[in-house]
PDB file of all heavy atoms in Angstrom:
ATOM      1  N   THR A   1     109.741 120.587 114.126  1.00  0.00           N
ATOM      2  CA  THR A   1     110.029 120.488 112.863  1.00  0.00           C
ATOM      3  C   THR A   1     108.735 120.060 112.100  1.00  0.00           C
ATOM      4  O   THR A   1     107.816 119.492 112.619  1.00  0.00           O
ATOM      5  CB  THR A   1     111.120 119.379 112.608  1.00  0.00           C
ATOM      6  OG1 THR A   1     110.730 118.216 113.144  1.00  0.00           O
ATOM      7  CG2 THR A   1     112.367 119.923 113.123  1.00  0.00           C
ATOM      8  N   PRO A   2     108.665 120.415 110.761  1.00  0.00           N
ATOM      9  CA  PRO A   2     107.415 120.275 110.056  1.00  0.00           C
ATOM     10  C   PRO A   2     107.245 118.782 109.503  1.00  0.00           C
ATOM     11  O   PRO A   2     106.907 118.506 108.397  1.00  0.00           O
ATOM     12  CB  PRO A   2     107.585 121.174 108.819  1.00  0.00           C
ATOM     13  CG  PRO A   2     108.955 121.247 108.564  1.00  0.00           C
ATOM     14  CD  PRO A   2     109.572 121.166 109.951  1.00  0.00           C
ATOM     15  N   THR A   3     107.385 117.832 110.476  1.00  0.00           N
ATOM     16  CA  THR A   3     107.172 116.326 110.108  1.00  0.00           C
ATOM     17  C   THR A   3     105.684 116.098 110.199  1.00  0.00           C
ATOM     18  O   THR A   3     104.852 116.739 110.945  1.00  0.00           O
ATOM     19  CB  THR A   3     107.870 115.398 111.070  1.00  0.00           C
ATOM     20  OG1 THR A   3     107.730 115.873 112.337  1.00  0.00           O
ATOM     21  CG2 THR A   3     109.407 115.623 110.729  1.00  0.00           C
ATOM     22  N   LEU A   4     105.189 115.022 109.594  1.00  0.00           N
ATOM     23  CA  LEU A   4     103.720 114.675 109.528  1.00  0.00           C
ATOM     24  C   LEU A   4     103.293 113.957 110.743  1.00  0.00           C
ATOM     25  O   LEU A   4     102.926 112.691 110.672  1.00  0.00           O
ATOM     26  CB  LEU A   4     103.414 113.960 108.306  1.00  0.00           C
ATOM     27  CG  LEU A   4     103.879 114.672 106.960  1.00  0.00           C
ATOM     28  CD1 LEU A   4     103.446 114.014 105.763  1.00  0.00           C
ATOM     29  CD2 LEU A   4     103.299 116.043 106.909  1.00  0.00           C
ATOM     30  N   LYS A   5     103.447 114.561 112.003  1.00  0.00           N
ATOM     31  CA  LYS A   5     103.103 113.822 113.237  1.00  0.00           C
ATOM     32  C   LYS A   5     102.067 114.613 114.085  1.00  0.00           C
ATOM     33  O   LYS A   5     101.921 114.356 115.232  1.00  0.00           O
ATOM     34  CB  LYS A   5     104.430 113.759 114.015  1.00  0.00           C
ATOM     35  CG  LYS A   5     105.408 112.756 113.526  1.00  0.00           C
ATOM     36  CD  LYS A   5     106.521 112.470 114.488  1.00  0.00           C
ATOM     37  CE  LYS A   5     107.444 111.441 113.914  1.00  0.00           C
ATOM     38  NZ  LYS A   5     108.570 111.136 114.854  1.00  0.00           N
ATOM     39  N   GLY A   6     101.276 115.435 113.393  1.00  0.00           N
ATOM     40  CA  GLY A   6     100.211 116.184 114.080  1.00  0.00           C
ATOM     41  C   GLY A   6     100.627 117.461 114.442  1.00  0.00           C
ATOM     42  O   GLY A   6     101.724 117.763 114.664  1.00  0.00           O
ATOM     43  N   SER A   7      99.564 118.312 114.756  1.00  0.00           N
ATOM     44  CA  SER A   7      99.742 119.715 115.059  1.00  0.00           C
ATOM     45  C   SER A   7     100.448 119.972 116.430  1.00  0.00           C
ATOM     46  O   SER A   7     101.412 120.693 116.622  1.00  0.00           O
ATOM     47  CB  SER A   7      98.434 120.407 115.077  1.00  0.00           C
ATOM     48  OG  SER A   7      98.555 121.870 115.428  1.00  0.00           O
ATOM     49  N   LYS A   8     100.165 119.036 117.330  1.00  0.00           N
ATOM     50  CA  LYS A   8     100.838 119.204 118.691  1.00  0.00           C
ATOM     51  C   LYS A   8     102.322 118.994 118.516  1.00  0.00           C
ATOM     52  O   LYS A   8     103.146 119.752 119.298  1.00  0.00           O
ATOM     53  CB  LYS A   8     100.289 118.185 119.676  1.00  0.00           C
ATOM     54  CG  LYS A   8     100.776 118.291 121.010  1.00  0.00           C
ATOM     55  CD  LYS A   8     100.173 117.337 122.027  1.00  0.00           C
ATOM     56  CE  LYS A   8     100.728 117.315 123.407  1.00  0.00           C
ATOM     57  NZ  LYS A   8     100.146 116.299 124.289  1.00  0.00           N
ATOM     58  N   TRP A   9     102.862 118.110 117.799  1.00  0.00           N
ATOM     59  CA  TRP A   9     104.191 117.935 117.490  1.00  0.00           C
ATOM     60  C   TRP A   9     104.830 119.114 116.900  1.00  0.00           C
ATOM     61  O   TRP A   9     105.779 119.560 117.515  1.00  0.00           O
ATOM     62  CB  TRP A   9     104.470 116.760 116.667  1.00  0.00           C
ATOM     63  CG  TRP A   9     105.973 116.476 116.160  1.00  0.00           C
ATOM     64  CD1 TRP A   9     106.532 117.162 115.109  1.00  0.00           C
ATOM     65  CD2 TRP A   9     106.736 115.593 116.723  1.00  0.00           C
ATOM     66  NE1 TRP A   9     107.789 116.766 115.046  1.00  0.00           N
ATOM     67  CE2 TRP A   9     108.078 115.783 116.128  1.00  0.00           C
ATOM     68  CE3 TRP A   9     106.751 114.614 117.798  1.00  0.00           C
ATOM     69  CZ2 TRP A   9     109.191 114.987 116.270  1.00  0.00           C
ATOM     70  CZ3 TRP A   9     107.849 113.973 118.064  1.00  0.00           C
ATOM     71  CH2 TRP A   9     109.037 114.145 117.496  1.00  0.00           C
ATOM     72  N   ARG A  10     104.232 119.657 115.921  1.00  0.00           N
ATOM     73  CA  ARG A  10     104.899 120.741 115.368  1.00  0.00           C
ATOM     74  C   ARG A  10     104.895 122.108 116.127  1.00  0.00           C
ATOM     75  O   ARG A  10     105.830 122.872 116.134  1.00  0.00           O
ATOM     76  CB  ARG A  10     104.267 121.009 113.873  1.00  0.00           C
ATOM     77  CG  ARG A  10     104.656 119.966 112.879  1.00  0.00           C
ATOM     78  CD  ARG A  10     103.949 120.250 111.571  1.00  0.00           C
ATOM     79  NE  ARG A  10     102.451 120.142 111.527  1.00  0.00           N
ATOM     80  CZ  ARG A  10     101.807 119.041 111.402  1.00  0.00           C
ATOM     81  NH1 ARG A  10     102.357 117.827 111.245  1.00  0.00           N
ATOM     82  NH2 ARG A  10     100.457 119.056 111.412  1.00  0.00           N
ATOM     83  N   LYS A  11     103.649 122.268 116.800  1.00  0.00           N
ATOM     84  CA  LYS A  11     103.481 123.539 117.440  1.00  0.00           C
ATOM     85  C   LYS A  11     103.812 123.736 118.856  1.00  0.00           C
ATOM     86  O   LYS A  11     103.715 124.785 119.510  1.00  0.00           O
ATOM     87  CB  LYS A  11     102.050 124.075 117.201  1.00  0.00           C
ATOM     88  CG  LYS A  11     101.773 124.229 115.700  1.00  0.00           C
ATOM     89  CD  LYS A  11     100.507 124.889 115.353  1.00  0.00           C
ATOM     90  CE  LYS A  11     100.522 125.277 113.855  1.00  0.00           C
ATOM     91  NZ  LYS A  11      99.279 126.122 113.527  1.00  0.00           N
ATOM     92  N   SER A  12     104.382 122.471 119.298  1.00  0.00           N
ATOM     93  CA  SER A  12     104.794 122.669 120.799  1.00  0.00           C
ATOM     94  C   SER A  12     106.130 123.472 120.828  1.00  0.00           C
ATOM     95  O   SER A  12     106.423 123.949 122.065  1.00  0.00           O
ATOM     96  CB  SER A  12     105.283 121.178 121.251  1.00  0.00           C
ATOM     97  OG  SER A  12     106.278 120.660 120.363  1.00  0.00           O
ATOM     98  N   ILE A  13     106.591 123.886 119.789  1.00  0.00           N
ATOM     99  CA  ILE A  13     107.857 124.731 119.736  1.00  0.00           C
ATOM    100  C   ILE A  13     107.435 126.234 120.011  1.00  0.00           C
ATOM    101  O   ILE A  13     108.283 127.024 120.330  1.00  0.00           O
ATOM    102  CB  ILE A  13     108.605 124.570 118.557  1.00  0.00           C
ATOM    103  CG1 ILE A  13     110.095 125.071 118.734  1.00  0.00           C
ATOM    104  CG2 ILE A  13     107.946 125.351 117.439  1.00  0.00           C
ATOM    105  CD1 ILE A  13     111.043 124.909 117.606  1.00  0.00           C
ATOM    106  N   TYR A  14     106.123 126.524 119.994  1.00  0.00           N
ATOM    107  CA  TYR A  14     105.706 127.901 120.123  1.00  0.00           C
ATOM    108  C   TYR A  14     106.204 128.569 121.441  1.00  0.00           C
ATOM    109  O   TYR A  14     106.106 127.984 122.508  1.00  0.00           O
ATOM    110  CB  TYR A  14     104.111 127.991 120.002  1.00  0.00           C
ATOM    111  CG  TYR A  14     103.738 129.420 120.063  1.00  0.00           C
ATOM    112  CD1 TYR A  14     103.985 130.342 118.939  1.00  0.00           C
ATOM    113  CD2 TYR A  14     102.942 130.000 121.160  1.00  0.00           C
ATOM    114  CE1 TYR A  14     103.477 131.679 118.924  1.00  0.00           C
ATOM    115  CE2 TYR A  14     102.463 131.284 121.229  1.00  0.00           C
ATOM    116  CZ  TYR A  14     102.768 132.077 120.120  1.00  0.00           C
ATOM    117  OH  TYR A  14     102.445 133.392 120.058  1.00  0.00           O
ATOM    118  N   GLN A  15     106.889 129.645 121.368  1.00  0.00           N
ATOM    119  CA  GLN A  15     107.597 130.406 122.371  1.00  0.00           C
ATOM    120  C   GLN A  15     108.649 129.538 123.204  1.00  0.00           C
ATOM    121  O   GLN A  15     109.039 129.811 124.269  1.00  0.00           O
ATOM    122  CB  GLN A  15     106.578 131.020 123.435  1.00  0.00           C
ATOM    123  CG  GLN A  15     105.701 132.154 122.849  1.00  0.00           C
ATOM    124  CD  GLN A  15     104.913 132.845 123.911  1.00  0.00           C
ATOM    125  OE1 GLN A  15     104.398 132.234 124.870  1.00  0.00           O
ATOM    126  NE2 GLN A  15     104.887 134.077 123.708  1.00  0.00           N
ATOM    127  N   ASN A  16     108.999 128.396 122.497  1.00  0.00           N
ATOM    128  CA  ASN A  16     110.060 127.529 123.080  1.00  0.00           C
ATOM    129  C   ASN A  16     111.184 127.114 122.139  1.00  0.00           C
ATOM    130  O   ASN A  16     111.992 126.211 122.273  1.00  0.00           O
ATOM    131  CB  ASN A  16     109.358 126.221 123.585  1.00  0.00           C
ATOM    132  CG  ASN A  16     108.570 126.283 124.748  1.00  0.00           C
ATOM    133  OD1 ASN A  16     109.271 126.570 125.872  1.00  0.00           O
ATOM    134  ND2 ASN A  16     107.349 126.103 124.804  1.00  0.00           N
ATOM    135  N   MET A  17     111.156 128.009 120.949  1.00  0.00           N
ATOM    136  CA  MET A  17     112.315 127.761 120.104  1.00  0.00           C
ATOM    137  C   MET A  17     113.642 128.005 120.736  1.00  0.00           C
ATOM    138  O   MET A  17     113.938 129.084 121.396  1.00  0.00           O
ATOM    139  CB  MET A  17     112.156 128.794 118.807  1.00  0.00           C
ATOM    140  CG  MET A  17     113.070 128.389 117.689  1.00  0.00           C
ATOM    141  SD  MET A  17     112.962 129.539 116.392  1.00  0.00           S
ATOM    142  CE  MET A  17     111.380 129.078 115.736  1.00  0.00           C
ATOM    143  N   GLY A  18     114.620 127.028 120.534  1.00  0.00           N
ATOM    144  CA  GLY A  18     115.920 127.087 121.226  1.00  0.00           C
ATOM    145  C   GLY A  18     115.920 126.388 122.469  1.00  0.00           C
ATOM    146  O   GLY A  18     116.972 126.075 123.069  1.00  0.00           O
ATOM    147  N   VAL A  19     114.778 126.048 123.093  1.00  0.00           N
ATOM    148  CA  VAL A  19     114.575 125.386 124.283  1.00  0.00           C
ATOM    149  C   VAL A  19     114.169 123.895 124.113  1.00  0.00           C
ATOM    150  O   VAL A  19     114.900 122.989 124.314  1.00  0.00           O
ATOM    151  CB  VAL A  19     113.708 126.107 125.295  1.00  0.00           C
ATOM    152  CG1 VAL A  19     113.632 125.386 126.635  1.00  0.00           C
ATOM    153  CG2 VAL A  19     114.170 127.538 125.376  1.00  0.00           C
ATOM    154  N   ILE A  20     112.909 123.689 123.777  1.00  0.00           N
ATOM    155  CA  ILE A  20     112.197 122.356 123.518  1.00  0.00           C
ATOM    156  C   ILE A  20     112.906 121.720 122.480  1.00  0.00           C
ATOM    157  O   ILE A  20     113.130 120.459 122.641  1.00  0.00           O
ATOM    158  CB  ILE A  20     110.710 122.486 123.370  1.00  0.00           C
ATOM    159  CG1 ILE A  20     110.086 121.052 123.659  1.00  0.00           C
ATOM    160  CG2 ILE A  20     110.431 123.072 122.028  1.00  0.00           C
ATOM    161  CD1 ILE A  20     108.646 121.162 123.460  1.00  0.00           C
ATOM    162  N   ASN A  21     113.271 122.250 121.351  1.00  0.00           N
ATOM    163  CA  ASN A  21     113.957 121.516 120.253  1.00  0.00           C
ATOM    164  C   ASN A  21     115.320 121.169 120.519  1.00  0.00           C
ATOM    165  O   ASN A  21     115.748 120.009 120.261  1.00  0.00           O
ATOM    166  CB  ASN A  21     113.865 122.321 118.949  1.00  0.00           C
ATOM    167  CG  ASN A  21     114.362 123.776 119.039  1.00  0.00           C
ATOM    168  OD1 ASN A  21     114.358 124.301 120.080  1.00  0.00           O
ATOM    169  ND2 ASN A  21     114.814 124.299 118.058  1.00  0.00           N
ATOM    170  N   THR A  22     116.007 122.002 121.314  1.00  0.00           N
ATOM    171  CA  THR A  22     117.397 121.712 121.690  1.00  0.00           C
ATOM    172  C   THR A  22     117.418 120.573 122.640  1.00  0.00           C
ATOM    173  O   THR A  22     118.229 119.662 122.652  1.00  0.00           O
ATOM    174  CB  THR A  22     118.058 122.957 122.348  1.00  0.00           C
ATOM    175  OG1 THR A  22     117.924 124.034 121.361  1.00  0.00           O
ATOM    176  CG2 THR A  22     119.423 122.608 122.726  1.00  0.00           C
ATOM    177  N   ASN A  23     116.470 120.671 123.607  1.00  0.00           N
ATOM    178  CA  ASN A  23     116.330 119.548 124.665  1.00  0.00           C
ATOM    179  C   ASN A  23     116.052 118.213 124.039  1.00  0.00           C
ATOM    180  O   ASN A  23     116.595 117.163 124.436  1.00  0.00           O
ATOM    181  CB  ASN A  23     115.241 119.982 125.772  1.00  0.00           C
ATOM    182  CG  ASN A  23     115.174 118.812 126.724  1.00  0.00           C
ATOM    183  OD1 ASN A  23     114.425 118.042 126.818  1.00  0.00           O
ATOM    184  ND2 ASN A  23     116.097 119.002 127.787  1.00  0.00           N
ATOM    185  N   ASP A  24     115.169 118.226 123.119  1.00  0.00           N
ATOM    186  CA  ASP A  24     114.793 116.959 122.388  1.00  0.00           C
ATOM    187  C   ASP A  24     116.066 116.348 121.727  1.00  0.00           C
ATOM    188  O   ASP A  24     116.391 115.166 121.752  1.00  0.00           O
ATOM    189  CB  ASP A  24     113.797 117.193 121.202  1.00  0.00           C
ATOM    190  CG  ASP A  24     112.311 117.229 121.904  1.00  0.00           C
ATOM    191  OD1 ASP A  24     112.222 117.081 123.075  1.00  0.00           O
ATOM    192  OD2 ASP A  24     111.465 117.419 121.067  1.00  0.00           O
ATOM    193  N   GLN A  25     116.833 117.150 121.010  1.00  0.00           N
ATOM    194  CA  GLN A  25     118.095 116.721 120.266  1.00  0.00           C
ATOM    195  C   GLN A  25     119.033 116.284 121.387  1.00  0.00           C
ATOM    196  O   GLN A  25     119.589 115.027 121.089  1.00  0.00           O
ATOM    197  CB  GLN A  25     118.732 117.836 119.613  1.00  0.00           C
ATOM    198  CG  GLN A  25     117.909 118.252 118.137  1.00  0.00           C
ATOM    199  CD  GLN A  25     118.297 117.118 117.148  1.00  0.00           C
ATOM    200  OE1 GLN A  25     119.269 116.481 117.203  1.00  0.00           O
ATOM    201  NE2 GLN A  25     117.376 116.976 116.258  1.00  0.00           N
ATOM    202  N   ALA A  26     119.276 116.918 122.402  1.00  0.00           N
ATOM    203  CA  ALA A  26     120.300 116.442 123.392  1.00  0.00           C
ATOM    204  C   ALA A  26     119.832 115.111 124.135  1.00  0.00           C
ATOM    205  O   ALA A  26     120.671 114.300 124.218  1.00  0.00           O
ATOM    206  CB  ALA A  26     120.432 117.511 124.416  1.00  0.00           C
ATOM    207  N   GLN A  27     118.616 115.056 124.474  1.00  0.00           N
ATOM    208  CA  GLN A  27     118.074 113.848 125.193  1.00  0.00           C
ATOM    209  C   GLN A  27     118.143 112.735 124.215  1.00  0.00           C
ATOM    210  O   GLN A  27     118.556 111.611 124.648  1.00  0.00           O
ATOM    211  CB  GLN A  27     116.656 114.054 125.691  1.00  0.00           C
ATOM    212  CG  GLN A  27     116.579 115.122 126.720  1.00  0.00           C
ATOM    213  CD  GLN A  27     117.437 114.848 127.854  1.00  0.00           C
ATOM    214  OE1 GLN A  27     117.651 113.781 128.376  1.00  0.00           O
ATOM    215  NE2 GLN A  27     118.071 116.015 128.357  1.00  0.00           N
ATOM    216  N   ALA A  28     117.865 112.956 122.934  1.00  0.00           N
ATOM    217  CA  ALA A  28     117.893 111.796 122.014  1.00  0.00           C
ATOM    218  C   ALA A  28     119.325 111.436 121.791  1.00  0.00           C
ATOM    219  O   ALA A  28     119.615 110.164 121.618  1.00  0.00           O
ATOM    220  CB  ALA A  28     117.278 112.215 120.683  1.00  0.00           C
ATOM    221  N   ALA A  29     120.214 112.355 121.612  1.00  0.00           N
ATOM    222  CA  ALA A  29     121.762 112.013 121.496  1.00  0.00           C
ATOM    223  C   ALA A  29     122.202 111.131 122.747  1.00  0.00           C
ATOM    224  O   ALA A  29     122.825 110.182 122.539  1.00  0.00           O
ATOM    225  CB  ALA A  29     122.425 113.329 121.371  1.00  0.00           C
ATOM    226  N   LYS A  30     121.807 111.548 123.952  1.00  0.00           N
ATOM    227  CA  LYS A  30     122.096 110.894 125.074  1.00  0.00           C
ATOM    228  C   LYS A  30     121.687 109.427 125.011  1.00  0.00           C
ATOM    229  O   LYS A  30     122.386 108.309 125.305  1.00  0.00           O
ATOM    230  CB  LYS A  30     121.629 111.469 126.346  1.00  0.00           C
ATOM    231  CG  LYS A  30     122.243 112.808 126.769  1.00  0.00           C
ATOM    232  CD  LYS A  30     121.695 113.235 128.066  1.00  0.00           C
ATOM    233  CE  LYS A  30     122.144 114.583 128.425  1.00  0.00           C
ATOM    234  NZ  LYS A  30     121.551 115.079 129.635  1.00  0.00           N
ATOM    235  N   LYS A  31     120.427 109.087 124.522  1.00  0.00           N
ATOM    236  CA  LYS A  31     119.802 107.896 124.350  1.00  0.00           C
ATOM    237  C   LYS A  31     120.584 107.042 123.290  1.00  0.00           C
ATOM    238  O   LYS A  31     120.923 105.852 123.535  1.00  0.00           O
ATOM    239  CB  LYS A  31     118.312 107.944 124.145  1.00  0.00           C
ATOM    240  CG  LYS A  31     117.602 106.667 124.050  1.00  0.00           C
ATOM    241  CD  LYS A  31     117.569 106.000 125.420  1.00  0.00           C
ATOM    242  CE  LYS A  31     116.685 104.697 125.393  1.00  0.00           C
ATOM    243  NZ  LYS A  31     115.254 105.005 125.235  1.00  0.00           N
ATOM    244  N   VAL A  32     120.829 107.567 122.231  1.00  0.00           N
ATOM    245  CA  VAL A  32     121.615 106.972 121.071  1.00  0.00           C
ATOM    246  C   VAL A  32     122.981 106.552 121.591  1.00  0.00           C
ATOM    247  O   VAL A  32     123.469 105.449 121.417  1.00  0.00           O
ATOM    248  CB  VAL A  32     121.761 107.931 119.945  1.00  0.00           C
ATOM    249  CG1 VAL A  32     122.541 107.299 118.906  1.00  0.00           C
ATOM    250  CG2 VAL A  32     120.221 108.063 119.192  1.00  0.00           C
ATOM    251  N   LEU A  33     123.682 107.443 122.280  1.00  0.00           N
ATOM    252  CA  LEU A  33     125.005 107.127 122.770  1.00  0.00           C
ATOM    253  C   LEU A  33     125.042 106.029 123.756  1.00  0.00           C
ATOM    254  O   LEU A  33     125.838 105.146 123.808  1.00  0.00           O
ATOM    255  CB  LEU A  33     125.621 108.379 123.418  1.00  0.00           C
ATOM    256  CG  LEU A  33     126.028 109.536 122.454  1.00  0.00           C
ATOM    257  CD1 LEU A  33     126.363 110.777 123.262  1.00  0.00           C
ATOM    258  CD2 LEU A  33     127.139 109.097 121.612  1.00  0.00           C
ATOM    259  N   ALA A  34     123.901 105.892 124.654  1.00  0.00           N
ATOM    260  CA  ALA A  34     123.734 104.896 125.496  1.00  0.00           C
ATOM    261  C   ALA A  34     123.289 103.520 124.976  1.00  0.00           C
ATOM    262  O   ALA A  34     123.658 102.465 125.549  1.00  0.00           O
ATOM    263  CB  ALA A  34     122.792 105.218 126.605  1.00  0.00           C
ATOM    264  N   THR A  35     122.722 103.628 123.784  1.00  0.00           N
ATOM    265  CA  THR A  35     122.245 102.397 123.211  1.00  0.00           C
ATOM    266  C   THR A  35     123.167 101.757 122.301  1.00  0.00           C
ATOM    267  O   THR A  35     123.156 100.429 122.385  1.00  0.00           O
ATOM    268  CB  THR A  35     121.001 102.745 122.369  1.00  0.00           C
ATOM    269  OG1 THR A  35     119.914 103.402 123.285  1.00  0.00           O
ATOM    270  CG2 THR A  35     120.333 101.502 121.740  1.00  0.00           C
ATOM    271  N   TYR A  36     123.974 102.511 121.609  1.00  0.00           N
ATOM    272  CA  TYR A  36     124.837 101.959 120.636  1.00  0.00           C
ATOM    273  C   TYR A  36     126.314 102.007 121.028  1.00  0.00           C
ATOM    274  O   TYR A  36     126.948 103.122 121.195  1.00  0.00           O
ATOM    275  CB  TYR A  36     124.724 102.706 119.230  1.00  0.00           C
ATOM    276  CG  TYR A  36     123.305 102.549 118.619  1.00  0.00           C
ATOM    277  CD1 TYR A  36     122.488 103.579 118.674  1.00  0.00           C
ATOM    278  CD2 TYR A  36     122.965 101.352 118.207  1.00  0.00           C
ATOM    279  CE1 TYR A  36     121.165 103.595 118.017  1.00  0.00           C
ATOM    280  CE2 TYR A  36     121.720 101.233 117.572  1.00  0.00           C
ATOM    281  CZ  TYR A  36     120.756 102.241 117.584  1.00  0.00           C
ATOM    282  OH  TYR A  36     119.624 102.181 116.971  1.00  0.00           O
ATOM    283  N   ASN A  37     126.879 100.947 121.481  1.00  0.00           N
ATOM    284  CA  ASN A  37     128.210 100.896 122.085  1.00  0.00           C
ATOM    285  C   ASN A  37     129.216 101.201 121.065  1.00  0.00           C
ATOM    286  O   ASN A  37     130.379 101.503 121.526  1.00  0.00           O
ATOM    287  CB  ASN A  37     128.437  99.293 122.684  1.00  0.00           C
ATOM    288  CG  ASN A  37     127.606  99.086 123.817  1.00  0.00           C
ATOM    289  OD1 ASN A  37     127.238 100.022 124.559  1.00  0.00           O
ATOM    290  ND2 ASN A  37     127.218  97.924 123.986  1.00  0.00           N
ATOM    291  N   PHE A  38     129.031 101.116 119.835  1.00  0.00           N
ATOM    292  CA  PHE A  38     129.901 101.504 118.872  1.00  0.00           C
ATOM    293  C   PHE A  38     130.191 103.073 118.668  1.00  0.00           C
ATOM    294  O   PHE A  38     131.189 103.468 118.125  1.00  0.00           O
ATOM    295  CB  PHE A  38     129.695 100.880 117.380  1.00  0.00           C
ATOM    296  CG  PHE A  38     128.302 101.123 116.847  1.00  0.00           C
ATOM    297  CD1 PHE A  38     128.129 102.555 116.222  1.00  0.00           C
ATOM    298  CD2 PHE A  38     127.229 100.394 117.014  1.00  0.00           C
ATOM    299  CE1 PHE A  38     126.963 102.693 115.719  1.00  0.00           C
ATOM    300  CE2 PHE A  38     126.007 100.715 116.580  1.00  0.00           C
ATOM    301  CZ  PHE A  38     125.829 101.853 115.873  1.00  0.00           C
ATOM    302  N   LEU A  39     129.403 103.865 119.366  1.00  0.00           N
ATOM    303  CA  LEU A  39     129.562 105.252 119.369  1.00  0.00           C
ATOM    304  C   LEU A  39     130.434 105.791 120.499  1.00  0.00           C
ATOM    305  O   LEU A  39     130.327 105.254 121.672  1.00  0.00           O
ATOM    306  CB  LEU A  39     128.243 106.074 119.452  1.00  0.00           C
ATOM    307  CG  LEU A  39     127.212 105.668 118.269  1.00  0.00           C
ATOM    308  CD1 LEU A  39     125.926 106.387 118.455  1.00  0.00           C
ATOM    309  CD2 LEU A  39     127.839 106.056 116.983  1.00  0.00           C
ATOM    310  N   ASP A  40     131.534 106.486 120.144  1.00  0.00           N
ATOM    311  CA  ASP A  40     132.333 107.036 121.175  1.00  0.00           C
ATOM    312  C   ASP A  40     131.834 108.269 121.826  1.00  0.00           C
ATOM    313  O   ASP A  40     131.753 109.254 121.274  1.00  0.00           O
ATOM    314  CB  ASP A  40     133.720 107.304 120.484  1.00  0.00           C
ATOM    315  CG  ASP A  40     134.857 107.546 121.402  1.00  0.00           C
ATOM    316  OD1 ASP A  40     134.683 107.892 122.511  1.00  0.00           O
ATOM    317  OD2 ASP A  40     136.140 107.485 120.989  1.00  0.00           O
ATOM    318  N   GLU A  41     131.630 108.088 123.140  1.00  0.00           N
ATOM    319  CA  GLU A  41     130.928 109.203 123.832  1.00  0.00           C
ATOM    320  C   GLU A  41     131.974 110.424 124.047  1.00  0.00           C
ATOM    321  O   GLU A  41     131.671 111.529 124.409  1.00  0.00           O
ATOM    322  CB  GLU A  41     130.597 108.789 125.221  1.00  0.00           C
ATOM    323  CG  GLU A  41     129.358 107.737 125.129  1.00  0.00           C
ATOM    324  CD  GLU A  41     128.970 107.354 126.538  1.00  0.00           C
ATOM    325  OE1 GLU A  41     129.484 107.718 127.555  1.00  0.00           O
ATOM    326  OE2 GLU A  41     127.815 106.700 126.671  1.00  0.00           O
ATOM    327  N   LYS A  42     133.325 110.104 123.834  1.00  0.00           N
ATOM    328  CA  LYS A  42     134.385 111.231 123.942  1.00  0.00           C
ATOM    329  C   LYS A  42     134.467 111.956 122.596  1.00  0.00           C
ATOM    330  O   LYS A  42     135.309 112.864 122.585  1.00  0.00           O
ATOM    331  CB  LYS A  42     135.601 110.575 124.597  1.00  0.00           C
ATOM    332  CG  LYS A  42     135.485 110.030 125.871  1.00  0.00           C
ATOM    333  CD  LYS A  42     136.848 109.440 126.324  1.00  0.00           C
ATOM    334  CE  LYS A  42     136.644 108.869 127.760  1.00  0.00           C
ATOM    335  NZ  LYS A  42     137.859 108.408 128.309  1.00  0.00           N
ATOM    336  N   ARG A  43     133.764 111.496 121.565  1.00  0.00           N
ATOM    337  CA  ARG A  43     134.028 112.084 120.178  1.00  0.00           C
ATOM    338  C   ARG A  43     132.685 112.326 119.568  1.00  0.00           C
ATOM    339  O   ARG A  43     132.262 111.727 118.704  1.00  0.00           O
ATOM    340  CB  ARG A  43     135.017 111.194 119.305  1.00  0.00           C
ATOM    341  CG  ARG A  43     136.401 111.061 119.703  1.00  0.00           C
ATOM    342  CD  ARG A  43     137.284 110.524 118.748  1.00  0.00           C
ATOM    343  NE  ARG A  43     136.863 108.956 118.714  1.00  0.00           N
ATOM    344  CZ  ARG A  43     137.506 108.276 117.714  1.00  0.00           C
ATOM    345  NH1 ARG A  43     138.244 108.835 116.635  1.00  0.00           N
ATOM    346  NH2 ARG A  43     137.117 106.968 117.568  1.00  0.00           N
ATOM    347  N   VAL A  44     131.857 113.203 120.217  1.00  0.00           N
ATOM    348  CA  VAL A  44     130.592 113.478 119.854  1.00  0.00           C
ATOM    349  C   VAL A  44     130.608 114.880 119.132  1.00  0.00           C
ATOM    350  O   VAL A  44     130.971 115.905 119.819  1.00  0.00           O
ATOM    351  CB  VAL A  44     129.566 113.470 120.956  1.00  0.00           C
ATOM    352  CG1 VAL A  44     128.180 113.865 120.581  1.00  0.00           C
ATOM    353  CG2 VAL A  44     129.657 112.176 121.665  1.00  0.00           C
TER     354      VAL A  44
END
C-alpha cells in the first residue's frame, strides 16, 4: 500500500499482488485475534 514507509515497503508487492499483501493481512488478523480477548474468533 502507498504508505510512507519507504520504497521497499511499497514495492515488495511487485509480482506478488494477491500473495504478499493477502498474507500480511491474514497474519495480522491472526495476531490481533490472539492479542485481544474481546474479539470473537468464531465471528470474523
